Amino acid sequence: DSVRTKKETAKLIKYKKLFDMAIDTLAEVDPVFAERFTALAVTKNFEGSPHIDTLNVGPFYGLSLGEFSGGGQIAVECSPLLVAEIDTKGSFGKVDGRFPHWVTPYEGERFSLIYVSELSCRNCSAWNV
């Protein structure tokens, strides 16, 4: 096994309860996607510039939690003249990360769960994150 695989396995074991709860929560909204996603990103106070998720094979689900205000939505460039803001605070939003997207500025503490299906893991199970 590679060093990265060992590190990822140790992380999965350490946070197994959180991972299981995250899967159960998504399964209430989209049980098919909950069985098929290939990676779960858990972030704290993420701030990023507009970007495209080049490995995604379809939309992702995002959920944000915490005590934050004044933003924190996922902004998605739908066309050159249209940007949609998806509010994921306390609820799931489904976003196609193959279009430019980013998190709008906010104040406070923000956590997010991002469930994705990536090209590099198309045949992986959810446990291979």
Foldseek 3Di string as FASTA:
>chain_A
DDPVQVVLLVVCVVCVVVLVVVLVVVCVVPVVLSWQFADKDKDKPDFDDWDADVFFPWKKKKAKEFDKDDWFFKWFPPDPVDIDTHDRYHHIDIGGRRTTITTDDMDGMMMMIITTHGNVQNPPTNSSD
